[in-house]
């Protein structure tokens, strides 16, 4: 979602009774503004901004045609069946469209799935980072693949390292590793 300057400010501040408060500051009513509350509000603001962007006709709901625009904006090109399945999954009330609460729930699930995938990649990186120095070295690739029963030749390991980092420096950091894996 595109984040406006106003939405970004929710990360640092929250409006309470017309007064901007810093995180953790207490109001006259004694309410403590938590980071989780603030992040939740930021997330909702981002989702609302995205929802309004895709609700082209201003009806307060997203039709299947508008959902196709959402998916394409996310870099996906779903088939008609995939689009209908997504619509049926998100359309809790069964009216054939997605209203904002349904859209926000769908986006929260998507964000959670992506966070799980990133955590999985982090676990895989840790598995390969044998000496825990923040890098996967050529010898780490050799060791882990042998442990997994894969007999890679020197040329195959070289090709892997070149594809991952673009040179033969012999090491791969987390960012390079992550970029390489998300391509596949």
Protein backbone atom coordinates (compact mmCIF):
# COMPACT_ATOMS: atom_id res chain seq x y z
CA UNK A 1 0.00 0.00 0.00
CA UNK A 2 1.10 3.53 -0.62
CA UNK A 3 1.73 5.25 2.70
CA UNK A 4 0.99 8.95 2.92
CA UNK A 5 2.98 11.34 5.09
CA UNK A 6 -0.03 11.58 7.38
CA UNK A 7 -0.18 7.78 7.74
CA UNK A 8 3.54 7.61 8.52
CA UNK A 9 3.00 10.07 11.35
CA UNK A 10 0.69 7.55 13.04
CA UNK A 11 3.79 5.46 13.67
CA UNK A 12 5.22 8.16 15.90
CA UNK A 13 2.13 9.95 17.19
CA UNK A 14 -1.58 9.52 17.73
CA UNK A 15 -4.35 12.10 17.89
CA UNK A 16 -6.23 12.02 21.19
CA UNK A 17 -8.88 14.62 21.90
CA UNK A 18 -7.41 16.85 19.22
CA UNK A 19 -3.93 16.82 20.83
CA UNK A 20 -0.92 15.04 19.34
CA UNK A 21 0.68 12.76 21.91
CA UNK A 22 4.05 11.06 21.83
CA UNK A 23 4.15 7.26 22.19
CA UNK A 24 3.85 6.18 25.79
CA UNK A 25 2.58 9.58 26.99
CA UNK A 26 -0.38 9.50 29.35
CA UNK A 27 -3.54 11.41 28.63
CA UNK A 28 -5.54 13.27 31.27
CA UNK A 29 -7.70 10.12 31.43
CA UNK A 30 -4.64 8.00 32.19
CA UNK A 31 -4.59 6.05 28.93
CA UNK A 32 -1.17 4.91 27.84
CA UNK A 33 -0.66 4.93 24.09
CA UNK A 34 1.04 1.64 23.23
CA UNK A 35 3.20 0.86 20.26
CA UNK A 36 0.87 -2.00 19.28
CA UNK A 37 -2.13 0.34 19.30
CA UNK A 38 -0.23 2.84 17.20
CA UNK A 39 0.97 0.19 14.74
CA UNK A 40 -2.56 -1.17 14.46
CA UNK A 41 -3.84 2.32 13.66
CA UNK A 42 -1.04 2.81 11.11
CA UNK A 43 -1.89 -0.50 9.50
CA UNK A 44 -5.59 0.39 9.35
CA UNK A 45 -4.78 3.80 7.88
CA UNK A 46 -2.63 2.15 5.20
CA UNK A 47 -5.29 -0.45 4.45
CA UNK A 48 -7.99 2.24 4.26
CA UNK A 49 -5.88 4.32 1.91
CA UNK A 50 -5.33 1.27 -0.33
CA UNK A 51 -9.02 0.30 -0.12
CA UNK A 52 -10.13 3.77 -1.14
CA UNK A 53 -7.64 3.73 -4.00
CA UNK A 54 -9.10 0.50 -5.40
CA UNK A 55 -12.75 1.31 -4.71
CA UNK A 56 -12.85 3.17 -8.02
CA UNK A 57 -16.58 3.85 -8.02
CA UNK A 58 -16.65 5.00 -4.37
CA UNK A 59 -19.31 2.43 -3.48
CA UNK A 60 -17.66 1.43 -0.21
CA UNK A 61 -16.88 -2.04 -1.53
CA UNK A 62 -14.53 -3.67 -4.00
CA UNK A 63 -16.06 -5.64 -6.88
CA UNK A 64 -14.36 -8.53 -8.68
CA UNK A 65 -13.17 -6.12 -11.40
CA UNK A 66 -11.72 -3.77 -8.79
CA UNK A 67 -10.14 -6.75 -6.98
CA UNK A 68 -8.37 -7.66 -10.22
CA UNK A 69 -6.84 -4.14 -10.19
CA UNK A 70 -5.72 -4.70 -6.57
CA UNK A 71 -4.05 -7.98 -7.48
CA UNK A 72 -2.30 -6.51 -10.51
CA UNK A 73 -1.07 -3.57 -8.45
CA UNK A 74 0.46 -6.17 -6.10
CA UNK A 75 2.32 -7.66 -9.07
CA UNK A 76 0.05 -10.69 -9.45
CA UNK A 77 -1.90 -11.80 -12.49
CA UNK A 78 -4.51 -14.22 -11.16
CA UNK A 79 -6.66 -16.44 -13.34
CA UNK A 80 -10.41 -15.91 -13.23
CA UNK A 81 -10.76 -18.95 -10.93
CA UNK A 82 -8.07 -17.64 -8.57
CA UNK A 83 -9.78 -14.26 -8.48
CA UNK A 84 -13.17 -15.80 -7.71
CA UNK A 85 -11.65 -18.00 -5.00
CA UNK A 86 -10.02 -14.97 -3.38
CA UNK A 87 -13.27 -13.05 -3.59
CA UNK A 88 -15.22 -15.92 -2.00
CA UNK A 89 -12.58 -16.30 0.73
CA UNK A 90 -12.58 -12.58 1.58
CA UNK A 91 -16.32 -11.96 1.10
CA UNK A 92 -17.47 -13.11 4.54
CA UNK A 93 -21.03 -11.79 4.22
CA UNK A 94 -21.47 -13.37 0.76
CA UNK A 95 -22.72 -10.25 -1.02
CA UNK A 96 -20.28 -10.62 -3.93
CA UNK A 97 -18.09 -7.67 -2.97
CA UNK A 98 -15.41 -6.92 -0.38
CA UNK A 99 -16.14 -4.14 2.09
CA UNK A 100 -13.43 -2.43 4.14
CA UNK A 101 -13.50 -4.79 7.20
CA UNK A 102 -13.27 -7.79 4.85
CA UNK A 103 -10.45 -6.11 2.90
CA UNK A 104 -8.54 -5.29 6.11
CA UNK A 105 -8.87 -8.91 7.32
CA UNK A 106 -7.68 -10.20 3.93
CA UNK A 107 -4.67 -7.85 4.01
CA UNK A 108 -3.81 -8.81 7.61
CA UNK A 109 -3.76 -12.48 6.58
CA UNK A 110 -1.52 -11.60 3.62
CA UNK A 111 0.87 -9.63 5.83
CA UNK A 112 0.98 -12.50 8.35
CA UNK A 113 1.71 -15.04 5.59
CA UNK A 114 4.52 -12.84 4.26
CA UNK A 115 5.95 -12.44 7.79
CA UNK A 116 5.92 -16.23 8.21
CA UNK A 117 7.73 -16.64 4.89
CA UNK A 118 10.40 -14.12 5.95
CA UNK A 119 10.83 -15.96 9.27
CA UNK A 120 11.25 -19.23 7.35
CA UNK A 121 13.94 -17.64 5.15
CA UNK A 122 15.69 -16.38 8.27
CA UNK A 123 15.69 -19.93 9.67
CA UNK A 124 17.13 -21.28 6.41
CA UNK A 125 19.84 -18.60 6.43
CA UNK A 126 20.72 -19.55 10.01
CA UNK A 127 21.00 -23.20 8.96
CA UNK A 128 23.52 -22.30 6.25
CA UNK A 129 25.43 -19.75 8.38
CA UNK A 130 27.46 -22.49 10.06
CA UNK A 131 29.85 -20.25 12.01
CA UNK A 132 27.13 -17.68 12.86
CA UNK A 133 29.11 -14.72 11.49
CA UNK A 134 26.24 -13.31 9.42
CA UNK A 135 27.50 -14.71 6.14
CA UNK A 136 27.07 -17.88 4.16
CA UNK A 137 30.49 -18.84 2.89
CA UNK A 138 31.25 -21.16 0.03
CA UNK A 139 32.37 -23.85 2.51
CA UNK A 140 29.02 -23.45 4.39
CA UNK A 141 27.13 -24.29 1.21
CA UNK A 142 29.37 -27.31 0.72
CA UNK A 143 28.89 -28.50 4.33
CA UNK A 144 25.09 -28.10 4.44
CA UNK A 145 24.50 -29.66 1.03
CA UNK A 146 26.69 -32.64 1.97
CA UNK A 147 24.76 -33.02 5.24
CA UNK A 148 21.55 -33.04 3.19
CA UNK A 149 22.97 -35.76 0.93
CA UNK A 150 23.49 -33.49 -2.07
CA UNK A 151 26.79 -33.95 -3.84
CA UNK A 152 27.40 -30.62 -5.58
CA UNK A 153 30.45 -30.18 -7.76
CA UNK A 154 32.80 -27.21 -7.32
CA UNK A 155 31.32 -25.75 -10.51
CA UNK A 156 27.77 -26.04 -9.16
CA UNK A 157 28.75 -24.30 -5.92
CA UNK A 158 30.54 -21.60 -7.92
CA UNK A 159 27.44 -21.13 -10.09
CA UNK A 160 25.27 -20.88 -6.97
CA UNK A 161 27.51 -18.24 -5.40
CA UNK A 162 27.77 -16.25 -8.65
CA UNK A 163 23.99 -16.30 -9.06
CA UNK A 164 23.48 -15.29 -5.43
CA UNK A 165 25.94 -12.41 -5.22
CA UNK A 166 27.08 -11.82 -8.79
CA UNK A 167 30.74 -12.51 -8.12
CA UNK A 168 33.03 -15.09 -6.60
CA UNK A 169 33.83 -13.32 -3.32
CA UNK A 170 32.88 -16.49 -1.50
CA UNK A 171 30.32 -15.03 0.90
CA UNK A 172 26.61 -14.31 0.89
CA UNK A 173 24.92 -11.96 3.37
CA UNK A 174 21.29 -12.18 4.45
CA UNK A 175 20.10 -9.51 1.98
CA UNK A 176 21.70 -11.29 -0.98
CA UNK A 177 20.32 -14.62 0.24
CA UNK A 178 16.82 -13.18 0.69
CA UNK A 179 16.83 -11.49 -2.75
CA UNK A 180 17.97 -14.68 -4.42
CA UNK A 181 15.34 -16.89 -2.77
CA UNK A 182 12.38 -14.59 -3.36
CA UNK A 183 13.12 -14.75 -7.07
CA UNK A 184 12.13 -18.42 -6.99
